[in-house]
């Protein structure tokens, strides 16, 4: 997993808890990297999961909620750092449809070694959208947070439902979005 994800997780935690508390958490947590990450490095996903679990235990927040918050944080960084991906998108459904065939294509050009989740999308109607997350990594709650922020970015009120269909080491979640009346 790209180091930028780890750096942003630490930044998010520091903004909420302060540097000293985050340093304590990282020092107390058994990590192969000792909590030292660079934006250009590659690190095992289990390190990210371990850090989120340690933060959750410290602040007594469910891990799934922290993953969603982190997804929201990362979406904001994405908007800030890659505005070109939002050009020509009229709503959040357009943006979500572009992830697999536009965003991921560009990411693979920059980082051919990166392992990305796959997304399939379907417009069920003008007001209803389905997206399926599939990965070897259990980051479907992170994905949910990104979807929530995407809809907020496009000022779209939706009812978002997630059904976890994970099994046999594959993490799959089906998201259904219904535009609010």
N, C-alpha and C. Protein backbone atom coordinates (compact mmCIF):
# COMPACT_ATOMS: atom_id res chain seq x y z
N UNK A 1 0.85 -1.16 0.00
CA UNK A 1 0.00 0.00 0.00
C UNK A 1 0.90 1.24 0.00
N UNK A 2 0.49 2.23 -0.79
CA UNK A 2 1.31 3.43 -0.94
C UNK A 2 1.42 4.20 0.38
N UNK A 3 2.60 4.74 0.59
CA UNK A 3 2.91 5.46 1.82
C UNK A 3 2.05 6.68 2.06
N UNK A 4 1.57 7.30 1.00
CA UNK A 4 0.73 8.48 1.16
C UNK A 4 -0.50 8.17 2.02
N UNK A 5 -1.01 6.97 1.91
CA UNK A 5 -2.18 6.58 2.70
C UNK A 5 -1.82 6.57 4.19
N UNK A 6 -0.66 6.05 4.52
CA UNK A 6 -0.20 6.01 5.90
C UNK A 6 0.06 7.42 6.44
N UNK A 7 0.72 8.23 5.62
CA UNK A 7 1.03 9.60 6.03
C UNK A 7 -0.27 10.35 6.32
N UNK A 8 -1.27 10.17 5.47
CA UNK A 8 -2.55 10.86 5.67
C UNK A 8 -3.29 10.32 6.90
N UNK A 9 -3.18 9.03 7.18
CA UNK A 9 -3.80 8.50 8.40
C UNK A 9 -3.18 9.15 9.63
N UNK A 10 -1.87 9.26 9.64
CA UNK A 10 -1.19 9.89 10.78
C UNK A 10 -1.59 11.36 10.87
N UNK A 11 -1.67 12.05 9.73
CA UNK A 11 -2.08 13.47 9.75
C UNK A 11 -3.49 13.63 10.31
N UNK A 12 -4.39 12.75 9.88
CA UNK A 12 -5.77 12.82 10.38
C UNK A 12 -5.79 12.62 11.90
N UNK A 13 -5.08 11.61 12.36
CA UNK A 13 -5.04 11.31 13.79
C UNK A 13 -4.42 12.48 14.56
N UNK A 14 -3.35 13.06 14.03
CA UNK A 14 -2.72 14.19 14.70
C UNK A 14 -3.65 15.40 14.77
N UNK A 15 -4.43 15.61 13.73
CA UNK A 15 -5.35 16.75 13.74
C UNK A 15 -6.44 16.57 14.80
N UNK A 16 -6.80 15.33 15.09
CA UNK A 16 -7.85 15.07 16.07
C UNK A 16 -7.30 14.89 17.49
N UNK A 17 -6.12 14.29 17.61
CA UNK A 17 -5.61 13.90 18.93
C UNK A 17 -4.36 14.66 19.36
N UNK A 18 -3.67 15.25 18.41
CA UNK A 18 -2.40 15.91 18.70
C UNK A 18 -1.23 14.99 18.42
N UNK A 19 -0.10 15.60 18.10
CA UNK A 19 1.10 14.83 17.75
C UNK A 19 1.57 13.93 18.88
N UNK A 20 1.56 14.44 20.10
CA UNK A 20 2.07 13.66 21.23
C UNK A 20 1.29 12.37 21.43
N UNK A 21 -0.03 12.45 21.35
CA UNK A 21 -0.86 11.27 21.55
C UNK A 21 -0.62 10.27 20.42
N UNK A 22 -0.54 10.76 19.19
CA UNK A 22 -0.30 9.87 18.06
C UNK A 22 1.08 9.22 18.18
N UNK A 23 2.07 9.98 18.59
CA UNK A 23 3.41 9.40 18.81
C UNK A 23 3.35 8.29 19.86
N UNK A 24 2.61 8.52 20.94
CA UNK A 24 2.46 7.49 21.97
C UNK A 24 1.82 6.23 21.39
N UNK A 25 0.74 6.42 20.63
CA UNK A 25 0.05 5.27 20.04
C UNK A 25 0.99 4.49 19.13
N UNK A 26 1.72 5.20 18.27
CA UNK A 26 2.65 4.52 17.36
C UNK A 26 3.77 3.83 18.12
N UNK A 27 4.27 4.46 19.20
CA UNK A 27 5.33 3.85 20.00
C UNK A 27 4.85 2.58 20.72
N UNK A 28 3.58 2.58 21.13
CA UNK A 28 3.03 1.45 21.87
C UNK A 28 2.55 0.32 20.95
N UNK A 29 2.47 0.59 19.67
CA UNK A 29 1.93 -0.38 18.72
C UNK A 29 3.07 -1.10 18.02
N UNK A 30 2.96 -2.41 17.96
CA UNK A 30 4.00 -3.19 17.31
C UNK A 30 3.84 -3.11 15.79
N UNK A 31 4.77 -2.40 15.16
CA UNK A 31 4.75 -2.19 13.72
C UNK A 31 6.10 -2.54 13.14
N UNK A 32 6.11 -3.16 11.97
CA UNK A 32 7.37 -3.48 11.29
C UNK A 32 8.13 -2.21 10.95
N UNK A 33 7.41 -1.15 10.67
CA UNK A 33 8.02 0.11 10.24
C UNK A 33 8.37 1.02 11.41
N UNK A 34 7.98 0.65 12.61
CA UNK A 34 8.13 1.50 13.80
C UNK A 34 7.37 2.82 13.63
N UNK A 35 6.39 2.83 12.75
CA UNK A 35 5.55 4.03 12.58
C UNK A 35 6.19 5.11 11.74
N UNK A 36 7.25 4.79 11.01
CA UNK A 36 7.92 5.76 10.14
C UNK A 36 7.50 5.49 8.71
N UNK A 37 6.79 6.45 8.12
CA UNK A 37 6.28 6.28 6.77
C UNK A 37 6.70 7.43 5.88
N UNK A 38 6.92 7.13 4.62
CA UNK A 38 7.22 8.16 3.63
C UNK A 38 6.14 8.10 2.56
N UNK A 39 5.81 9.22 1.96
CA UNK A 39 4.74 9.24 0.97
C UNK A 39 5.04 8.36 -0.23
N UNK A 40 6.31 8.14 -0.54
CA UNK A 40 6.67 7.35 -1.71
C UNK A 40 6.93 5.88 -1.39
N UNK A 41 6.90 5.52 -0.11
CA UNK A 41 7.16 4.14 0.27
C UNK A 41 5.97 3.23 0.01
N UNK A 42 6.20 1.95 0.16
CA UNK A 42 5.15 0.94 0.09
C UNK A 42 5.18 0.15 1.39
N UNK A 43 4.01 -0.06 1.96
CA UNK A 43 3.92 -0.71 3.26
C UNK A 43 2.78 -1.72 3.26
N UNK A 44 2.88 -2.72 4.12
CA UNK A 44 1.81 -3.73 4.16
C UNK A 44 0.52 -3.13 4.72
N UNK A 45 -0.59 -3.52 4.14
CA UNK A 45 -1.90 -3.04 4.57
C UNK A 45 -2.15 -3.37 6.04
N UNK A 46 -1.63 -4.50 6.51
CA UNK A 46 -1.87 -4.88 7.91
C UNK A 46 -1.34 -3.83 8.87
N UNK A 47 -0.32 -3.06 8.45
CA UNK A 47 0.18 -1.97 9.31
C UNK A 47 -0.88 -0.88 9.46
N UNK A 48 -1.54 -0.57 8.36
CA UNK A 48 -2.61 0.43 8.40
C UNK A 48 -3.73 -0.05 9.32
N UNK A 49 -4.12 -1.30 9.16
CA UNK A 49 -5.19 -1.87 9.99
C UNK A 49 -4.81 -1.86 11.46
N UNK A 50 -3.55 -2.18 11.75
CA UNK A 50 -3.07 -2.19 13.13
C UNK A 50 -3.11 -0.79 13.73
N UNK A 51 -2.73 0.21 12.96
CA UNK A 51 -2.75 1.59 13.46
C UNK A 51 -4.19 2.03 13.73
N UNK A 52 -5.09 1.74 12.80
CA UNK A 52 -6.49 2.12 13.00
C UNK A 52 -7.05 1.43 14.25
N UNK A 53 -6.73 0.16 14.44
CA UNK A 53 -7.18 -0.56 15.63
C UNK A 53 -6.62 0.08 16.91
N UNK A 54 -5.36 0.47 16.87
CA UNK A 54 -4.73 1.08 18.05
C UNK A 54 -5.37 2.44 18.37
N UNK A 55 -5.63 3.21 17.35
CA UNK A 55 -6.29 4.51 17.56
C UNK A 55 -7.70 4.29 18.12
N UNK A 56 -8.42 3.34 17.52
CA UNK A 56 -9.77 3.04 17.99
C UNK A 56 -9.79 2.61 19.44
N UNK A 57 -8.83 1.78 19.84
CA UNK A 57 -8.76 1.33 21.23
C UNK A 57 -8.46 2.50 22.16
N UNK A 58 -7.59 3.41 21.72
CA UNK A 58 -7.22 4.56 22.55
C UNK A 58 -8.40 5.51 22.75
N UNK A 59 -9.12 5.80 21.67
CA UNK A 59 -10.20 6.80 21.76
C UNK A 59 -11.58 6.15 21.94
N UNK A 60 -11.61 4.82 22.00
CA UNK A 60 -12.84 4.06 22.20
C UNK A 60 -13.89 4.38 21.13
N UNK A 61 -13.44 4.29 19.90
CA UNK A 61 -14.30 4.47 18.73
C UNK A 61 -14.22 3.18 17.92
N UNK A 62 -15.36 2.66 17.46
CA UNK A 62 -15.33 1.43 16.66
C UNK A 62 -14.44 1.59 15.42
N UNK A 63 -13.70 0.55 15.11
CA UNK A 63 -12.76 0.56 13.99
C UNK A 63 -13.47 0.92 12.68
N UNK A 64 -14.67 0.38 12.48
CA UNK A 64 -15.41 0.67 11.24
C UNK A 64 -15.67 2.17 11.11
N UNK A 65 -16.01 2.83 12.22
CA UNK A 65 -16.25 4.27 12.20
C UNK A 65 -14.97 5.03 11.84
N UNK A 66 -13.84 4.59 12.39
CA UNK A 66 -12.57 5.25 12.07
C UNK A 66 -12.22 5.07 10.60
N UNK A 67 -12.47 3.90 10.06
CA UNK A 67 -12.22 3.67 8.63
C UNK A 67 -13.08 4.62 7.79
N UNK A 68 -14.34 4.80 8.17
CA UNK A 68 -15.21 5.72 7.44
C UNK A 68 -14.68 7.15 7.54
N UNK A 69 -14.29 7.55 8.73
CA UNK A 69 -13.74 8.90 8.91
C UNK A 69 -12.48 9.09 8.06
N UNK A 70 -11.66 8.05 8.02
CA UNK A 70 -10.43 8.14 7.23
C UNK A 70 -10.76 8.21 5.74
N UNK A 71 -11.76 7.47 5.30
CA UNK A 71 -12.20 7.56 3.91
C UNK A 71 -12.66 8.97 3.56
N UNK A 72 -13.37 9.60 4.48
CA UNK A 72 -13.82 10.98 4.27
C UNK A 72 -12.62 11.92 4.19
N UNK A 73 -11.67 11.71 5.07
CA UNK A 73 -10.43 12.52 5.07
C UNK A 73 -9.69 12.37 3.74
N UNK A 74 -9.54 11.13 3.30
CA UNK A 74 -8.80 10.88 2.05
C UNK A 74 -9.51 11.46 0.84
N UNK A 75 -10.82 11.43 0.84
CA UNK A 75 -11.54 12.01 -0.29
C UNK A 75 -11.24 13.51 -0.37
N UNK A 76 -11.22 14.18 0.76
CA UNK A 76 -10.89 15.62 0.78
C UNK A 76 -9.49 15.86 0.23
N UNK A 77 -8.52 15.00 0.57
CA UNK A 77 -7.16 15.14 0.04
C UNK A 77 -7.16 14.90 -1.46
N UNK A 78 -7.97 13.94 -1.89
CA UNK A 78 -8.09 13.60 -3.31
C UNK A 78 -8.61 14.81 -4.10
N UNK A 79 -9.66 15.44 -3.59
CA UNK A 79 -10.22 16.63 -4.25
C UNK A 79 -9.17 17.73 -4.36
N UNK A 80 -8.44 17.92 -3.28
CA UNK A 80 -7.41 18.97 -3.21
C UNK A 80 -6.24 18.68 -4.15
N UNK A 81 -5.81 17.45 -4.20
CA UNK A 81 -4.59 17.10 -4.94
C UNK A 81 -4.83 16.75 -6.41
N UNK A 82 -6.02 16.32 -6.75
CA UNK A 82 -6.29 15.85 -8.12
C UNK A 82 -7.58 16.44 -8.68
N UNK A 83 -7.68 17.76 -8.76
CA UNK A 83 -8.93 18.37 -9.24
C UNK A 83 -9.28 17.97 -10.67
N UNK A 84 -8.29 17.57 -11.46
CA UNK A 84 -8.55 17.20 -12.86
C UNK A 84 -9.55 16.04 -12.96
N UNK A 85 -9.56 15.15 -11.98
CA UNK A 85 -10.47 14.02 -12.03
C UNK A 85 -11.93 14.43 -11.86
N UNK A 86 -12.16 15.63 -11.36
CA UNK A 86 -13.52 16.09 -11.12
C UNK A 86 -14.08 16.91 -12.28
N UNK A 87 -13.20 17.26 -13.20
CA UNK A 87 -13.63 18.06 -14.35
C UNK A 87 -14.64 17.27 -15.19
N UNK A 88 -15.73 17.94 -15.54
CA UNK A 88 -16.75 17.32 -16.38
C UNK A 88 -17.71 16.41 -15.65
N UNK A 89 -17.53 16.23 -14.35
CA UNK A 89 -18.43 15.38 -13.58
C UNK A 89 -19.59 16.25 -13.07
N UNK A 90 -20.81 15.83 -13.37
CA UNK A 90 -21.97 16.63 -12.97
C UNK A 90 -22.52 16.25 -11.61
N UNK A 91 -22.22 15.04 -11.17
CA UNK A 91 -22.71 14.62 -9.85
C UNK A 91 -21.82 13.49 -9.30
N UNK A 92 -22.15 13.07 -8.09
CA UNK A 92 -21.37 12.02 -7.45
C UNK A 92 -21.44 10.69 -8.17
N UNK A 93 -22.56 10.40 -8.81
CA UNK A 93 -22.67 9.15 -9.55
C UNK A 93 -21.66 9.14 -10.71
N UNK A 94 -21.54 10.27 -11.41
CA UNK A 94 -20.53 10.38 -12.48
C UNK A 94 -19.13 10.11 -11.94
N UNK A 95 -18.84 10.70 -10.78
CA UNK A 95 -17.50 10.54 -10.19
C UNK A 95 -17.26 9.09 -9.82
N UNK A 96 -18.22 8.46 -9.18
CA UNK A 96 -18.04 7.06 -8.77
C UNK A 96 -17.87 6.14 -9.98
N UNK A 97 -18.59 6.45 -11.06
CA UNK A 97 -18.46 5.65 -12.29
C UNK A 97 -17.06 5.78 -12.90
N UNK A 98 -16.39 6.88 -12.64
CA UNK A 98 -15.09 7.13 -13.27
C UNK A 98 -13.92 6.49 -12.54
N UNK A 99 -14.13 5.97 -11.36
CA UNK A 99 -13.01 5.46 -10.56
C UNK A 99 -12.26 4.34 -11.27
N UNK A 100 -12.98 3.33 -11.70
CA UNK A 100 -12.32 2.14 -12.27
C UNK A 100 -11.64 2.45 -13.61
N UNK A 101 -12.32 3.17 -14.50
CA UNK A 101 -11.81 3.34 -15.87
C UNK A 101 -11.09 4.66 -16.13
N UNK A 102 -11.08 5.58 -15.18
CA UNK A 102 -10.32 6.81 -15.34
C UNK A 102 -9.28 6.96 -14.24
N UNK A 103 -9.74 7.03 -13.02
CA UNK A 103 -8.84 7.29 -11.89
C UNK A 103 -7.83 6.16 -11.74
N UNK A 104 -8.29 4.93 -11.68
CA UNK A 104 -7.37 3.80 -11.49
C UNK A 104 -6.42 3.62 -12.67
N UNK A 105 -6.86 3.94 -13.87
CA UNK A 105 -5.98 3.87 -15.04
C UNK A 105 -4.80 4.81 -14.85
N UNK A 106 -5.07 6.03 -14.40
CA UNK A 106 -4.00 7.01 -14.18
C UNK A 106 -3.10 6.62 -13.02
N UNK A 107 -3.69 6.08 -11.96
CA UNK A 107 -2.90 5.64 -10.80
C UNK A 107 -1.94 4.53 -11.23
N UNK A 108 -2.41 3.60 -12.05
CA UNK A 108 -1.55 2.49 -12.50
C UNK A 108 -0.41 2.98 -13.40
N UNK A 109 -0.64 4.06 -14.13
CA UNK A 109 0.43 4.63 -14.95
C UNK A 109 1.55 5.16 -14.05
N UNK A 110 1.18 5.81 -12.97
CA UNK A 110 2.17 6.37 -12.04
C UNK A 110 2.81 5.30 -11.16
N UNK A 111 2.01 4.33 -10.74
CA UNK A 111 2.46 3.31 -9.79
C UNK A 111 2.05 1.93 -10.29
N UNK A 112 2.78 1.38 -11.26
CA UNK A 112 2.37 0.09 -11.84
C UNK A 112 2.31 -1.06 -10.83
N UNK A 113 3.03 -0.94 -9.73
CA UNK A 113 3.06 -2.01 -8.74
C UNK A 113 1.89 -1.97 -7.76
N UNK A 114 1.10 -0.91 -7.81
CA UNK A 114 0.05 -0.72 -6.82
C UNK A 114 -1.08 -1.75 -6.99
N UNK A 115 -1.60 -2.22 -5.86
CA UNK A 115 -2.73 -3.13 -5.85
C UNK A 115 -3.97 -2.33 -5.48
N UNK A 116 -4.87 -2.22 -6.44
CA UNK A 116 -6.07 -1.42 -6.23
C UNK A 116 -7.30 -2.32 -6.11
N UNK A 117 -8.29 -1.86 -5.37
CA UNK A 117 -9.54 -2.61 -5.36
C UNK A 117 -10.22 -2.47 -6.73
N UNK A 118 -11.19 -3.31 -6.99
CA UNK A 118 -11.95 -3.13 -8.22
C UNK A 118 -13.34 -2.62 -7.84
N UNK A 119 -13.90 -1.85 -8.75
CA UNK A 119 -15.24 -1.29 -8.55
C UNK A 119 -16.07 -1.55 -9.79
N UNK A 120 -17.25 -2.06 -9.57
CA UNK A 120 -18.22 -2.14 -10.65
C UNK A 120 -19.38 -1.24 -10.26
N UNK A 121 -19.93 -0.58 -11.25
CA UNK A 121 -21.02 0.36 -10.98
C UNK A 121 -22.18 0.09 -11.92
N UNK A 122 -23.36 0.49 -11.46
CA UNK A 122 -24.56 0.34 -12.28
C UNK A 122 -25.56 1.41 -11.86
N UNK A 123 -26.08 2.13 -12.85
CA UNK A 123 -27.18 3.07 -12.58
C UNK A 123 -28.47 2.26 -12.68
N UNK A 124 -29.10 2.10 -11.54
CA UNK A 124 -30.33 1.32 -11.48
C UNK A 124 -31.52 2.14 -11.98
N UNK A 125 -31.43 3.46 -11.82
CA UNK A 125 -32.42 4.40 -12.33
C UNK A 125 -31.77 5.78 -12.26
N UNK A 126 -32.50 6.81 -12.60
CA UNK A 126 -31.94 8.17 -12.54
C UNK A 126 -31.59 8.55 -11.10
N UNK A 127 -32.28 7.93 -10.14
CA UNK A 127 -32.09 8.28 -8.73
C UNK A 127 -31.41 7.20 -7.89
N UNK A 128 -31.09 6.07 -8.51
CA UNK A 128 -30.52 4.97 -7.74
C UNK A 128 -29.28 4.42 -8.44
N UNK A 129 -28.26 4.14 -7.62
CA UNK A 129 -26.95 3.77 -8.13
C UNK A 129 -26.41 2.63 -7.28
N UNK A 130 -25.72 1.70 -7.92
CA UNK A 130 -25.09 0.59 -7.18
C UNK A 130 -23.60 0.56 -7.51
N UNK A 131 -22.81 0.34 -6.48
CA UNK A 131 -21.36 0.22 -6.63
C UNK A 131 -20.90 -0.97 -5.81
N UNK A 132 -20.04 -1.81 -6.39
CA UNK A 132 -19.52 -2.96 -5.67
C UNK A 132 -18.01 -2.81 -5.53
N UNK A 133 -17.56 -2.90 -4.29
CA UNK A 133 -16.14 -2.87 -3.92
C UNK A 133 -15.67 -4.31 -3.79
N UNK A 134 -14.52 -4.63 -4.38
CA UNK A 134 -13.96 -5.98 -4.26
C UNK A 134 -12.45 -5.86 -4.11
N UNK A 135 -11.91 -6.51 -3.07
CA UNK A 135 -10.48 -6.39 -2.79
C UNK A 135 -10.02 -7.50 -1.86
N UNK A 136 -8.71 -7.67 -1.81
CA UNK A 136 -8.10 -8.56 -0.81
C UNK A 136 -7.94 -7.83 0.52
N UNK A 137 -8.23 -6.54 0.52
CA UNK A 137 -8.06 -5.71 1.72
C UNK A 137 -9.42 -5.35 2.33
N UNK A 138 -9.50 -5.43 3.65
CA UNK A 138 -10.78 -5.15 4.31
C UNK A 138 -11.00 -3.64 4.52
N UNK A 139 -11.11 -2.92 3.41
CA UNK A 139 -11.25 -1.47 3.49
C UNK A 139 -12.60 -0.99 2.96
N UNK A 140 -13.62 -1.82 3.08
CA UNK A 140 -14.93 -1.44 2.58
C UNK A 140 -15.55 -0.30 3.39
N UNK A 141 -15.25 -0.20 4.68
CA UNK A 141 -15.76 0.93 5.46
C UNK A 141 -15.03 2.22 5.07
N UNK A 142 -13.76 2.11 4.75
CA UNK A 142 -13.00 3.24 4.20
C UNK A 142 -13.67 3.71 2.91
N UNK A 143 -14.01 2.77 2.06
CA UNK A 143 -14.70 3.06 0.80
C UNK A 143 -16.02 3.77 1.07
N UNK A 144 -16.76 3.31 2.06
CA UNK A 144 -18.04 3.94 2.42
C UNK A 144 -17.82 5.40 2.78
N UNK A 145 -16.79 5.67 3.55
CA UNK A 145 -16.48 7.07 3.91
C UNK A 145 -16.17 7.91 2.69
N UNK A 146 -15.44 7.34 1.75
CA UNK A 146 -15.13 8.08 0.52
C UNK A 146 -16.41 8.36 -0.27
N UNK A 147 -17.29 7.38 -0.34
CA UNK A 147 -18.56 7.58 -1.06
C UNK A 147 -19.37 8.68 -0.38
N UNK A 148 -19.44 8.66 0.94
CA UNK A 148 -20.18 9.69 1.66
C UNK A 148 -19.63 11.08 1.32
N UNK A 149 -18.31 11.22 1.35
CA UNK A 149 -17.70 12.51 1.05
C UNK A 149 -17.89 12.91 -0.40
N UNK A 150 -17.89 11.94 -1.30
CA UNK A 150 -18.13 12.23 -2.71
C UNK A 150 -19.52 12.84 -2.88
N UNK A 151 -20.50 12.25 -2.24
CA UNK A 151 -21.86 12.77 -2.36
C UNK A 151 -21.96 14.17 -1.75
N UNK A 152 -21.29 14.39 -0.62
CA UNK A 152 -21.28 15.72 0.00
C UNK A 152 -20.59 16.73 -0.91
N UNK A 153 -19.50 16.32 -1.53
CA UNK A 153 -18.77 17.21 -2.43
C UNK A 153 -19.67 17.71 -3.56
N UNK A 154 -20.49 16.82 -4.08
CA UNK A 154 -21.40 17.18 -5.18
C UNK A 154 -22.76 17.67 -4.67
N UNK A 155 -22.84 17.88 -3.36
CA UNK A 155 -24.06 18.38 -2.71
C UNK A 155 -25.27 17.54 -3.08
N UNK A 156 -25.07 16.23 -3.02
CA UNK A 156 -26.12 15.26 -3.31
C UNK A 156 -26.51 14.56 -2.02
N UNK A 157 -27.76 14.69 -1.65
CA UNK A 157 -28.25 13.95 -0.49
C UNK A 157 -28.70 12.58 -0.95
N UNK A 158 -28.14 11.56 -0.33
CA UNK A 158 -28.49 10.19 -0.68
C UNK A 158 -28.68 9.36 0.57
N UNK A 159 -29.44 8.30 0.42
CA UNK A 159 -29.51 7.26 1.42
C UNK A 159 -28.50 6.21 0.96
N UNK A 160 -27.49 5.95 1.77
CA UNK A 160 -26.42 5.02 1.41
C UNK A 160 -26.55 3.76 2.24
N UNK A 161 -26.69 2.64 1.56
CA UNK A 161 -26.77 1.34 2.23
C UNK A 161 -25.57 0.50 1.81
N UNK A 162 -24.96 -0.18 2.78
CA UNK A 162 -23.83 -1.06 2.49
C UNK A 162 -24.19 -2.47 2.94
N UNK A 163 -24.00 -3.44 2.05
CA UNK A 163 -24.17 -4.84 2.39
C UNK A 163 -22.81 -5.50 2.23
N UNK A 164 -22.30 -6.04 3.34
CA UNK A 164 -21.01 -6.72 3.33
C UNK A 164 -21.20 -8.13 2.79
N UNK A 165 -20.55 -8.42 1.68
CA UNK A 165 -20.64 -9.74 1.05
C UNK A 165 -19.29 -10.46 1.08
N UNK A 166 -18.45 -10.08 2.02
CA UNK A 166 -17.11 -10.66 2.12
C UNK A 166 -17.18 -12.14 2.49
N UNK A 167 -16.24 -12.89 1.89
CA UNK A 167 -16.12 -14.32 2.23
C UNK A 167 -14.81 -14.86 1.69
N UNK A 168 -14.30 -15.87 2.36
CA UNK A 168 -13.10 -16.60 1.92
C UNK A 168 -11.92 -15.69 1.60
N UNK A 169 -11.67 -14.68 2.45
CA UNK A 169 -10.51 -13.82 2.25
C UNK A 169 -10.67 -12.74 1.21
N UNK A 170 -11.86 -12.64 0.60
CA UNK A 170 -12.17 -11.55 -0.35
C UNK A 170 -13.11 -10.61 0.37
N UNK A 171 -12.84 -9.34 0.25
CA UNK A 171 -13.67 -8.34 0.89
C UNK A 171 -14.50 -7.65 -0.19
N UNK A 172 -15.77 -7.88 -0.11
CA UNK A 172 -16.70 -7.36 -1.09
C UNK A 172 -17.84 -6.66 -0.36
N UNK A 173 -18.18 -5.50 -0.84
CA UNK A 173 -19.31 -4.77 -0.28
C UNK A 173 -20.11 -4.17 -1.42
N UNK A 174 -21.41 -4.24 -1.28
CA UNK A 174 -22.31 -3.66 -2.26
C UNK A 174 -22.91 -2.41 -1.65
N UNK A 175 -22.75 -1.30 -2.34
CA UNK A 175 -23.28 -0.03 -1.89
C UNK A 175 -24.44 0.36 -2.80
N UNK A 176 -25.56 0.71 -2.19
CA UNK A 176 -26.70 1.21 -2.95
C UNK A 176 -26.96 2.63 -2.48
N UNK A 177 -27.03 3.54 -3.45
CA UNK A 177 -27.27 4.95 -3.17
C UNK A 177 -28.60 5.35 -3.79
N UNK A 178 -29.45 5.93 -2.99
CA UNK A 178 -30.75 6.40 -3.44
C UNK A 178 -30.80 7.91 -3.19
N UNK A 179 -30.99 8.70 -4.26
CA UNK A 179 -31.10 10.15 -4.09
C UNK A 179 -32.28 10.46 -3.17
N UNK A 180 -32.05 11.40 -2.27
CA UNK A 180 -33.12 11.83 -1.36
C UNK A 180 -34.15 12.64 -2.15
N UNK A 181 -35.40 12.54 -1.70
CA UNK A 181 -36.49 13.26 -2.38
C UNK A 181 -36.38 14.76 -2.16
